Amino acid sequence: MGYIMSGSRHSRMNAIRIRKENQIYSAEEKAALAMFNYEENKAKEAKILEDMRRLVDRTMGPAPAGEAGGGGGEGGGGAE
């Protein structure tokens, strides 16, 4: 013989379950949004850095080939 949960208790348990699921989903969404923002900021920073390099090259002329830190190579000094 099984007992049936009362309607008010059942709806309350469902509300708690849904609230917990929403917390989990919002935490996952928050992590995904943080990663997306990080990638966008990184790309934006790389573009600004490249624009500054072009401006310096245009103003002062390109750096000689043997000079350290000279123009446009990948992995140049920058914050990551």
C-alpha atoms as a PDB file:
ATOM      1  CA  MET A   1       0.000   0.000   0.000  1.00  0.00           C
ATOM      2  CA  GLY A   2       1.589   3.291  -1.098  1.00  0.00           C
ATOM      3  CA  TYR A   3       0.967   6.728   0.226  1.00  0.00           C
ATOM      4  CA  ILE A   4       0.400   9.595  -2.160  1.00  0.00           C
ATOM      5  CA  MET A   5       2.109  12.880  -1.440  1.00  0.00           C
ATOM      6  CA  SER A   6      -0.332  15.688  -0.723  1.00  0.00           C
ATOM      7  CA  GLY A   7      -0.807  18.207  -3.512  1.00  0.00           C
ATOM      8  CA  SER A   8       0.624  21.193  -1.642  1.00  0.00           C
ATOM      9  CA  ARG A   9       3.745  19.279  -0.604  1.00  0.00           C
ATOM     10  CA  HIS A  10       4.164  17.943  -4.138  1.00  0.00           C
ATOM     11  CA  SER A  11       3.972  21.398  -5.714  1.00  0.00           C
ATOM     12  CA  ARG A  12       6.394  22.772  -3.103  1.00  0.00           C
ATOM     13  CA  MET A  13       8.897  20.011  -3.848  1.00  0.00           C
ATOM     14  CA  ASN A  14       8.554  20.692  -7.578  1.00  0.00           C
ATOM     15  CA  ALA A  15       9.188  24.410  -6.992  1.00  0.00           C
ATOM     16  CA  ILE A  16      12.350  23.606  -5.001  1.00  0.00           C
ATOM     17  CA  ARG A  17      13.561  21.188  -7.681  1.00  0.00           C
ATOM     18  CA  ILE A  18      12.993  23.751 -10.447  1.00  0.00           C
ATOM     19  CA  ARG A  19      14.757  26.471  -8.434  1.00  0.00           C
ATOM     20  CA  LYS A  20      17.789  24.204  -7.917  1.00  0.00           C
ATOM     21  CA  GLU A  21      17.895  23.333 -11.619  1.00  0.00           C
ATOM     22  CA  ASN A  22      17.811  27.037 -12.492  1.00  0.00           C
ATOM     23  CA  GLN A  23      20.703  27.704 -10.117  1.00  0.00           C
ATOM     24  CA  ILE A  24      22.783  25.031 -11.837  1.00  0.00           C
ATOM     25  CA  TYR A  25      21.918  26.325 -15.303  1.00  0.00           C
ATOM     26  CA  SER A  26      22.632  29.919 -14.355  1.00  0.00           C
ATOM     27  CA  ALA A  27      26.043  28.912 -12.939  1.00  0.00           C
ATOM     28  CA  GLU A  28      26.893  27.139 -16.218  1.00  0.00           C
ATOM     29  CA  GLU A  29      25.667  30.118 -18.232  1.00  0.00           C
ATOM     30  CA  LYS A  30      27.698  32.466 -16.045  1.00  0.00           C
ATOM     31  CA  ALA A  31      30.857  30.411 -16.643  1.00  0.00           C
ATOM     32  CA  ALA A  32      30.215  30.307 -20.397  1.00  0.00           C
ATOM     33  CA  LEU A  33      29.604  34.065 -20.472  1.00  0.00           C
ATOM     34  CA  ALA A  34      32.819  34.712 -18.523  1.00  0.00           C
ATOM     35  CA  MET A  35      34.805  32.623 -21.027  1.00  0.00           C
ATOM     36  CA  PHE A  36      33.148  34.414 -23.956  1.00  0.00           C
ATOM     37  CA  ASN A  37      33.951  37.831 -22.438  1.00  0.00           C
ATOM     38  CA  TYR A  38      37.556  36.762 -21.799  1.00  0.00           C
ATOM     39  CA  GLU A  39      38.010  35.696 -25.423  1.00  0.00           C
ATOM     40  CA  GLU A  40      36.422  38.915 -26.723  1.00  0.00           C
ATOM     41  CA  ASN A  41      38.630  41.083 -24.486  1.00  0.00           C
ATOM     42  CA  LYS A  42      41.709  39.153 -25.579  1.00  0.00           C
ATOM     43  CA  ALA A  43      40.860  39.684 -29.260  1.00  0.00           C
ATOM     44  CA  LYS A  44      40.126  43.365 -28.650  1.00  0.00           C
ATOM     45  CA  GLU A  45      43.440  43.789 -26.830  1.00  0.00           C
ATOM     46  CA  ALA A  46      45.338  42.086 -29.674  1.00  0.00           C
ATOM     47  CA  LYS A  47      43.700  44.428 -32.195  1.00  0.00           C
ATOM     48  CA  ILE A  48      44.606  47.508 -30.131  1.00  0.00           C
ATOM     49  CA  LEU A  49      48.177  46.261 -29.785  1.00  0.00           C
ATOM     50  CA  GLU A  50      48.456  45.714 -33.552  1.00  0.00           C
ATOM     51  CA  ASP A  51      47.012  49.184 -34.227  1.00  0.00           C
ATOM     52  CA  MET A  52      49.598  50.710 -31.874  1.00  0.00           C
ATOM     53  CA  ARG A  53      52.413  48.798 -33.617  1.00  0.00           C
ATOM     54  CA  ARG A  54      51.239  50.111 -36.995  1.00  0.00           C
ATOM     55  CA  LEU A  55      51.052  53.650 -35.624  1.00  0.00           C
ATOM     56  CA  VAL A  56      54.590  53.434 -34.233  1.00  0.00           C
ATOM     57  CA  ASP A  57      55.887  51.941 -37.488  1.00  0.00           C
ATOM     58  CA  ARG A  58      54.203  54.683 -39.493  1.00  0.00           C
ATOM     59  CA  THR A  59      55.464  57.445 -37.187  1.00  0.00           C
ATOM     60  CA  MET A  60      59.011  56.253 -36.508  1.00  0.00           C
ATOM     61  CA  GLY A  61      59.560  53.896 -39.407  1.00  0.00           C
ATOM     62  CA  PRO A  62      59.871  50.124 -39.125  1.00  0.00           C
ATOM     63  CA  ALA A  63      62.482  48.775 -36.689  1.00  0.00           C
ATOM     64  CA  PRO A  64      65.686  47.344 -38.190  1.00  0.00           C
ATOM     65  CA  ALA A  65      65.566  43.575 -38.755  1.00  0.00           C
ATOM     66  CA  GLY A  66      68.214  42.697 -36.126  1.00  0.00           C
ATOM     67  CA  GLU A  67      66.728  44.802 -33.337  1.00  0.00           C
ATOM     68  CA  ALA A  68      65.009  42.951 -30.490  1.00  0.00           C
ATOM     69  CA  GLY A  69      61.275  43.529 -30.131  1.00  0.00           C
ATOM     70  CA  GLY A  70      61.005  44.690 -33.734  1.00  0.00           C
ATOM     71  CA  GLY A  71      57.722  44.864 -35.583  1.00  0.00           C
ATOM     72  CA  GLY A  72      54.761  42.582 -36.000  1.00  0.00           C
ATOM     73  CA  GLY A  73      55.983  39.152 -34.916  1.00  0.00           C
ATOM     74  CA  GLU A  74      53.626  36.922 -33.042  1.00  0.00           C
ATOM     75  CA  GLY A  75      54.238  36.499 -29.343  1.00  0.00           C
ATOM     76  CA  GLY A  76      55.561  40.042 -29.021  1.00  0.00           C
ATOM     77  CA  GLY A  77      55.581  41.557 -25.550  1.00  0.00           C
ATOM     78  CA  GLY A  78      52.053  42.024 -24.383  1.00  0.00           C
ATOM     79  CA  ALA A  79      49.773  41.230 -21.476  1.00  0.00           C
ATOM     80  CA  GLU A  80      47.933  37.950 -21.819  1.00  0.00           C
END
